């Protein structure tokens, strides 16, 4: 269901922004799922992160960044659904390029996420790892 929310926001754009608050409320409990319960639980959290990333990318003005970004960053890097890496990190790269103030306020957590995702042990593909390393340098 989280995936459907994200894809709907991506596809419908501005026409669905009036529903963002309800969608974020629906996604919120997914960030509390215990990922130690296995791959399905981890995929659930990953899909919630990707849905929020799609919402931000589609209409950042309709997302309460100060509340949403700390929760999303805490859930990263993705643990199971690596197909969502590009969606999530491109969203964060975009916010970083825009000097989004709420992302800047979470610089330490963002550095942690980028560092873990760019590490040798990470399952992130090599091209994205290079982008993460460059972004990490810009944060320091």
Protein backbone atom coordinates (compact mmCIF):
# COMPACT_ATOMS: atom_id res chain seq x y z
CA UNK A 1 0.00 0.00 0.00
CA UNK A 2 2.91 2.38 0.68
CA UNK A 3 4.18 1.79 -2.83
CA UNK A 4 0.73 2.65 -4.25
CA UNK A 5 0.64 5.91 -2.28
CA UNK A 6 4.03 6.96 -3.65
CA UNK A 7 3.29 6.02 -7.24
CA UNK A 8 -0.11 7.74 -7.06
CA UNK A 9 1.53 10.95 -5.88
CA UNK A 10 4.14 10.67 -8.59
CA UNK A 11 1.59 10.04 -11.33
CA UNK A 12 -1.17 12.41 -10.23
CA UNK A 13 1.07 15.31 -9.19
CA UNK A 14 -0.64 18.45 -7.91
CA UNK A 15 -4.16 17.01 -8.26
CA UNK A 16 -3.67 14.78 -5.20
CA UNK A 17 -1.83 17.16 -2.86
CA UNK A 18 -5.00 17.86 -0.86
CA UNK A 19 -4.72 14.25 0.35
CA UNK A 20 -1.07 14.47 1.46
CA UNK A 21 -1.85 14.87 5.18
CA UNK A 22 -4.02 11.73 5.19
CA UNK A 23 -1.41 9.80 3.21
CA UNK A 24 1.37 10.80 5.57
CA UNK A 25 -0.79 9.72 8.50
CA UNK A 26 -1.37 6.36 6.83
CA UNK A 27 2.38 5.91 6.19
CA UNK A 28 3.44 6.98 9.69
CA UNK A 29 2.88 3.62 11.47
CA UNK A 30 5.01 1.85 8.86
CA UNK A 31 8.09 3.68 10.13
CA UNK A 32 7.56 1.97 13.49
CA UNK A 33 7.67 -1.56 12.09
CA UNK A 34 10.44 -3.64 13.70
CA UNK A 35 12.81 -4.45 10.83
CA UNK A 36 14.41 -7.24 12.86
CA UNK A 37 11.26 -9.27 12.16
CA UNK A 38 12.54 -10.08 8.68
CA UNK A 39 12.62 -9.09 5.04
CA UNK A 40 8.91 -8.31 4.78
CA UNK A 41 9.10 -5.88 7.71
CA UNK A 42 12.22 -4.21 6.27
CA UNK A 43 10.59 -3.94 2.82
CA UNK A 44 7.58 -2.29 4.45
CA UNK A 45 9.74 0.45 5.99
CA UNK A 46 11.70 0.85 2.74
CA UNK A 47 8.49 1.28 0.75
CA UNK A 48 7.24 3.89 3.23
CA UNK A 49 10.51 5.81 2.80
CA UNK A 50 10.22 5.64 -0.98
CA UNK A 51 6.58 6.77 -0.85
CA UNK A 52 7.55 9.83 1.19
CA UNK A 53 10.42 10.52 -1.24
CA UNK A 54 7.97 10.41 -4.15
CA UNK A 55 5.60 12.76 -2.32
CA UNK A 56 8.43 15.22 -1.67
CA UNK A 57 9.67 15.03 -5.25
CA UNK A 58 6.16 15.49 -6.66
CA UNK A 59 5.12 18.41 -4.46
CA UNK A 60 7.60 19.47 -1.76
CA UNK A 61 5.49 22.44 -0.68
CA UNK A 62 2.77 20.06 0.53
CA UNK A 63 5.03 17.97 2.78
CA UNK A 64 5.74 19.19 6.34
CA UNK A 65 9.50 18.72 5.97
CA UNK A 66 10.38 19.55 9.59
CA UNK A 67 8.28 16.59 10.77
CA UNK A 68 8.81 14.20 7.87
CA UNK A 69 12.54 14.38 7.12
CA UNK A 70 13.84 13.26 10.56
CA UNK A 71 11.57 10.19 10.48
CA UNK A 72 12.53 9.31 6.92
CA UNK A 73 16.25 9.79 7.54
CA UNK A 74 16.11 7.60 10.65
CA UNK A 75 14.73 4.76 8.49
CA UNK A 76 17.59 5.02 5.98
CA UNK A 77 19.59 3.58 4.36
CA UNK A 78 17.16 1.13 2.81
CA UNK A 79 17.51 -2.39 4.17
CA UNK A 80 15.66 -4.64 1.74
CA UNK A 81 14.11 -3.03 -1.34
CA UNK A 82 17.17 -1.79 -3.20
CA UNK A 83 15.06 -0.90 -6.25
CA UNK A 84 13.95 2.20 -4.31
CA UNK A 85 17.48 3.56 -3.70
CA UNK A 86 17.45 5.84 -6.72
CA UNK A 87 14.05 7.30 -5.79
CA UNK A 88 15.06 8.00 -2.19
CA UNK A 89 18.55 9.36 -2.83
CA UNK A 90 17.57 11.47 -5.84
CA UNK A 91 14.93 13.09 -3.64
CA UNK A 92 17.54 13.87 -0.99
CA UNK A 93 20.05 15.10 -3.60
CA UNK A 94 17.39 17.48 -4.94
CA UNK A 95 16.65 18.86 -1.48
CA UNK A 96 20.37 19.23 -0.85
CA UNK A 97 20.85 21.18 -4.09
CA UNK A 98 17.97 23.47 -3.10
CA UNK A 99 19.56 24.03 0.32
CA UNK A 100 16.29 22.92 1.90
CA UNK A 101 16.49 24.30 5.48
CA UNK A 102 14.91 21.30 7.22
CA UNK A 103 17.35 18.95 5.50
CA UNK A 104 20.21 21.25 6.50
CA UNK A 105 18.96 21.06 10.10
CA UNK A 106 19.38 17.27 9.89
CA UNK A 107 22.88 17.40 8.40
CA UNK A 108 24.42 14.94 10.86
CA UNK A 109 21.75 12.32 10.21
CA UNK A 110 22.02 12.91 6.46
CA UNK A 111 25.80 12.42 6.68
CA UNK A 112 25.24 9.14 8.54
CA UNK A 113 22.78 7.92 5.89
CA UNK A 114 25.00 8.87 2.96
CA UNK A 115 28.08 7.37 4.66
CA UNK A 116 26.39 4.04 5.35
CA UNK A 117 24.84 3.89 1.88
CA UNK A 118 28.21 4.64 0.22
CA UNK A 119 30.16 2.11 2.31
CA UNK A 120 31.75 -1.02 0.85
CA UNK A 121 29.25 -3.23 2.68
CA UNK A 122 26.26 -1.35 1.23
CA UNK A 123 24.03 -2.97 -1.40
CA UNK A 124 23.68 0.37 -3.23
CA UNK A 125 24.88 0.16 -6.84
CA UNK A 126 28.33 1.61 -7.62
CA UNK A 127 27.10 4.57 -9.69
CA UNK A 128 24.82 5.74 -6.90
CA UNK A 129 27.59 5.15 -4.33
CA UNK A 130 29.77 7.62 -6.23
CA UNK A 131 27.00 10.25 -6.15
CA UNK A 132 26.56 9.61 -2.42
CA UNK A 133 30.30 10.07 -1.81
CA UNK A 134 30.28 13.39 -3.68
CA UNK A 135 27.23 14.56 -1.75
CA UNK A 136 28.86 13.48 1.50
CA UNK A 137 31.93 15.58 0.68
CA UNK A 138 29.70 18.62 0.12
CA UNK A 139 28.22 18.15 3.60
CA UNK A 140 31.60 18.26 5.35
